Amino acid sequence: MRAVVQRVKRAEVMVGENVTGSIEKGLLIFLGVGEGDDERHCEYMADKISHLRIFSDEKGLMNRSLIDTGFPALVVSQFTLYGDCRKGRRPSFTKAARPERAKELYEYFMLKLKENGISVQSGIFQEMMEVHLINDGPVTLLLDSEKLF
């Protein structure tokens, strides 16, 4: 499982003309599910992201997490995080999970965030979405449940 985590001042996701999720200060999480991922990967990622200390404390140091601040998360599914561009000019997505399984794990990941006390908004799985954001910092981190980076 892979995630691009961005600290944002504001973010929203739209499907067509409809806003499906919107947050003020918090984290925008693009989540990709890979083949072979399971509930353990969701649990690891939800725990890691919930406790990531990337919000400033009173001294301006990144010492506070979503749990510490009470800030929300906006989660957007993004299978393209498994795009392999090493060969040729068209990305290969063979390492991404099949849509049925990916949806199950995407929803389970959001459930685990909620169980950690995080308020969660989301996009709509397998829909064409527009994501609007104001990055804060910018702070953008890459996470991989296999700890590849």
Foldseek 3Di string as FASTA:
>chain_A
DKKKKWFFQKKFKDFPNRTQFIFGTDIEIADFAWPPDDLVLLLVVLVCQQAQQQDQDPVGDSGGHCLRPVGAYEYEYDLCVQFDCPDDHGTDSNGTDDQVVRVVSSVSSVVSNVVSVHHYTYDDRPGDMDMDTGTPVGDIDMDDSVRPD
